[in-house]
C-alpha atoms as a PDB file:
ATOM      1  CA  GLN A   1      21.049   7.904 -23.032  1.00  0.00           C
ATOM      2  CA  SER A   2      21.738   4.068 -23.922  1.00  0.00           C
ATOM      3  CA  TYR A   3      19.371   1.484 -23.953  1.00  0.00           C
ATOM      4  CA  SER A   4      19.504  -1.844 -23.163  1.00  0.00           C
ATOM      5  CA  SER A   5      17.732  -5.170 -24.894  1.00  0.00           C
ATOM      6  CA  GLN A   6      18.446  -6.670 -21.373  1.00  0.00           C
ATOM      7  CA  PRO A   7      16.697  -6.154 -18.184  1.00  0.00           C
ATOM      8  CA  PRO A   8      19.015  -5.504 -15.612  1.00  0.00           C
ATOM      9  CA  PRO A   9      20.361  -9.171 -13.346  1.00  0.00           C
ATOM     10  CA  SER A  10      18.155  -8.364 -10.339  1.00  0.00           C
ATOM     11  CA  THR A  11      15.181  -8.614 -12.069  1.00  0.00           C
ATOM     12  CA  SER A  12      13.202 -11.683 -13.606  1.00  0.00           C
ATOM     13  CA  ALA A  13      12.072 -10.594 -17.023  1.00  0.00           C
ATOM     14  CA  SER A  14      10.267 -13.670 -18.125  1.00  0.00           C
ATOM     15  CA  ARG A  15       7.325 -12.816 -15.071  1.00  0.00           C
ATOM     16  CA  TYR A  16       6.491  -9.895 -17.277  1.00  0.00           C
ATOM     17  CA  GLY A  17       6.758 -11.411 -20.694  1.00  0.00           C
ATOM     18  CA  GLY A  18      10.287 -10.904 -21.736  1.00  0.00           C
ATOM     19  CA  GLU A  19      12.823  -8.767 -22.744  1.00  0.00           C
ATOM     20  CA  GLY A  20      11.818  -5.339 -21.641  1.00  0.00           C
ATOM     21  CA  GLY A  21      10.615  -4.845 -25.381  1.00  0.00           C
ATOM     22  CA  GLY A  22       7.821  -3.212 -24.532  1.00  0.00           C
ATOM     23  CA  GLY A  23       4.233  -5.283 -26.314  1.00  0.00           C
ATOM     24  CA  GLY A  24       5.466  -8.245 -28.846  1.00  0.00           C
ATOM     25  CA  GLY A  25       5.599 -11.751 -28.595  1.00  0.00           C
ATOM     26  CA  GLY A  26       5.982 -14.317 -24.804  1.00  0.00           C
ATOM     27  CA  SER A  27       3.225 -15.171 -22.746  1.00  0.00           C
ATOM     28  CA  GLY A  28       5.166 -14.176 -19.470  1.00  0.00           C
ATOM     29  CA  TYR A  29       4.188 -15.207 -15.587  1.00  0.00           C
ATOM     30  CA  TYR A  30       0.790 -13.768 -16.349  1.00  0.00           C
ATOM     31  CA  GLY A  31       0.150 -14.982 -19.936  1.00  0.00           C
ATOM     32  CA  TYR A  32       0.596 -11.688 -21.820  1.00  0.00           C
ATOM     33  CA  ASN A  33       2.811  -9.123 -21.617  1.00  0.00           C
ATOM     34  CA  PRO A  34       1.402  -5.984 -19.385  1.00  0.00           C
ATOM     35  CA  PHE A  35       3.210  -3.493 -20.702  1.00  0.00           C
ATOM     36  CA  PRO A  36       1.909  -1.716 -23.881  1.00  0.00           C
ATOM     37  CA  PRO A  37       3.287  -1.520 -27.265  1.00  0.00           C
ATOM     38  CA  GLY A  38       6.159   1.633 -26.869  1.00  0.00           C
ATOM     39  CA  THR A  39       6.459   1.489 -23.461  1.00  0.00           C
ATOM     40  CA  ASP A  40       9.729   3.671 -23.272  1.00  0.00           C
ATOM     41  CA  PRO A  41      12.302   0.670 -21.647  1.00  0.00           C
ATOM     42  CA  GLU A  42      13.567   2.723 -18.687  1.00  0.00           C
ATOM     43  CA  VAL A  43       9.724   2.502 -17.434  1.00  0.00           C
ATOM     44  CA  ILE A  44       9.633  -0.865 -18.071  1.00  0.00           C
ATOM     45  CA  ARG A  45      13.122  -1.492 -16.050  1.00  0.00           C
ATOM     46  CA  SER A  46      11.716   0.831 -13.299  1.00  0.00           C
ATOM     47  CA  PHE A  47       8.816  -0.564 -13.362  1.00  0.00           C
ATOM     48  CA  GLN A  48      10.464  -3.713 -12.502  1.00  0.00           C
ATOM     49  CA  MET A  49      12.512  -2.921  -9.735  1.00  0.00           C
ATOM     50  CA  VAL A  50       9.946  -1.316  -7.929  1.00  0.00           C
ATOM     51  CA  ASP A  51       7.444  -4.260  -8.098  1.00  0.00           C
ATOM     52  CA  ARG A  52      10.006  -6.001  -5.979  1.00  0.00           C
ATOM     53  CA  ASP A  53       7.570  -8.873  -5.001  1.00  0.00           C
ATOM     54  CA  ARG A  54       6.454  -9.395  -8.800  1.00  0.00           C
ATOM     55  CA  SER A  55       3.007  -9.318  -8.843  1.00  0.00           C
ATOM     56  CA  GLY A  56       2.854  -7.149 -11.842  1.00  0.00           C
ATOM     57  CA  PHE A  57       1.172  -3.940  -9.645  1.00  0.00           C
ATOM     58  CA  ILE A  58       3.259  -1.203  -7.509  1.00  0.00           C
ATOM     59  CA  ASP A  59       1.814  -1.134  -4.083  1.00  0.00           C
ATOM     60  CA  ASP A  60       2.653   1.539  -1.060  1.00  0.00           C
ATOM     61  CA  SER A  61       4.945   0.243   0.560  1.00  0.00           C
ATOM     62  CA  GLU A  62       6.915  -0.574  -2.691  1.00  0.00           C
ATOM     63  CA  LEU A  63       6.606   2.474  -3.856  1.00  0.00           C
ATOM     64  CA  GLN A  64       7.513   3.895  -0.653  1.00  0.00           C
ATOM     65  CA  ARG A  65      11.154   2.311  -0.849  1.00  0.00           C
ATOM     66  CA  ALA A  66      11.507   3.136  -4.008  1.00  0.00           C
ATOM     67  CA  LEU A  67      10.929   6.948  -3.759  1.00  0.00           C
ATOM     68  CA  SER A  68      12.776   7.252  -0.286  1.00  0.00           C
ATOM     69  CA  SER A  69      16.348   7.997  -0.054  1.00  0.00           C
ATOM     70  CA  ALA A  70      19.305   7.949   2.754  1.00  0.00           C
ATOM     71  CA  TYR A  71      18.558  11.738   3.243  1.00  0.00           C
ATOM     72  CA  HIS A  72      14.307  11.778   2.512  1.00  0.00           C
ATOM     73  CA  ARG A  73      11.860   9.686   3.940  1.00  0.00           C
ATOM     74  CA  PHE A  74       7.920   9.811   2.312  1.00  0.00           C
ATOM     75  CA  SER A  75       5.335   9.244   5.012  1.00  0.00           C
ATOM     76  CA  LEU A  76       3.101   6.415   3.504  1.00  0.00           C
ATOM     77  CA  ARG A  77       0.375   9.106   3.881  1.00  0.00           C
ATOM     78  CA  THR A  78       1.804  10.980   0.988  1.00  0.00           C
ATOM     79  CA  ILE A  79       2.653   8.116  -0.859  1.00  0.00           C
ATOM     80  CA  ARG A  80      -0.894   7.417  -0.880  1.00  0.00           C
ATOM     81  CA  LEU A  81      -1.749  10.496  -1.873  1.00  0.00           C
ATOM     82  CA  LEU A  82       0.500  10.459  -4.972  1.00  0.00           C
ATOM     83  CA  MET A  83      -0.787   7.042  -6.000  1.00  0.00           C
ATOM     84  CA  PHE A  84      -4.295   8.197  -5.365  1.00  0.00           C
ATOM     85  CA  LEU A  85      -3.773  10.677  -8.046  1.00  0.00           C
ATOM     86  CA  PHE A  86      -2.427   8.371 -10.856  1.00  0.00           C
ATOM     87  CA  LYS A  87      -4.984   4.791  -9.981  1.00  0.00           C
ATOM     88  CA  ASP A  88      -7.494   3.863 -10.904  1.00  0.00           C
ATOM     89  CA  PRO A  89     -10.711   4.279  -7.759  1.00  0.00           C
ATOM     90  CA  SER A  90     -10.962   0.593  -7.556  1.00  0.00           C
ATOM     91  CA  GLU A  91      -7.514  -0.577  -7.381  1.00  0.00           C
ATOM     92  CA  LYS A  92      -4.869  -0.509  -4.226  1.00  0.00           C
ATOM     93  CA  SER A  93      -2.262  -0.394  -6.193  1.00  0.00           C
ATOM     94  CA  LEU A  94      -0.866   1.050  -9.734  1.00  0.00           C
ATOM     95  CA  ARG A  95      -0.279  -1.011 -12.378  1.00  0.00           C
ATOM     96  CA  ILE A  96       2.253  -0.683 -15.645  1.00  0.00           C
ATOM     97  CA  GLY A  97       0.017   1.482 -17.340  1.00  0.00           C
ATOM     98  CA  LYS A  98      -0.664   3.900 -14.548  1.00  0.00           C
ATOM     99  CA  PHE A  99       3.203   3.448 -13.217  1.00  0.00           C
ATOM    100  CA  ALA A 100       4.216   4.684 -17.196  1.00  0.00           C
ATOM    101  CA  PHE A 101       2.053   8.116 -16.250  1.00  0.00           C
ATOM    102  CA  PHE A 102       3.214   8.651 -12.381  1.00  0.00           C
ATOM    103  CA  TYR A 103       6.181   7.712 -13.411  1.00  0.00           C
ATOM    104  CA  VAL A 104       6.994  10.371 -16.399  1.00  0.00           C
ATOM    105  CA  ALA A 105       4.741  13.375 -14.038  1.00  0.00           C
ATOM    106  CA  TYR A 106       7.619  12.252 -11.056  1.00  0.00           C
ATOM    107  CA  HIS A 107      10.362  12.775 -13.683  1.00  0.00           C
ATOM    108  CA  LEU A 108       8.967  16.465 -15.483  1.00  0.00           C
ATOM    109  CA  PHE A 109       8.520  17.084 -11.140  1.00  0.00           C
ATOM    110  CA  VAL A 110      11.992  16.464 -10.054  1.00  0.00           C
ATOM    111  CA  VAL A 111      13.256  18.401 -13.275  1.00  0.00           C
ATOM    112  CA  LEU A 112      11.798  21.562 -11.569  1.00  0.00           C
END
């Protein structure tokens, strides 16, 4: 599996502080790079694809859209339960660090 330093054409990497390397330079949209150093480029790419409004957070409707397919649609109740397991209690959406945990857990579950 090869990783490119270029973001997919449909994303705007500059809003997230650079070219998806995790950490490093670039002030980006928020004035900082929200991706912790060493963040897997695939996690960054996935976050950028799911965060459709470019807010820097993943809300329930964005996650529902990302996880649902033509064959199965997750209910908002299920999505909110998943988010509850991974987000901070004081927040209503997933930020990048929590999304990284969610991403790993989801892909481990899918493999099983």
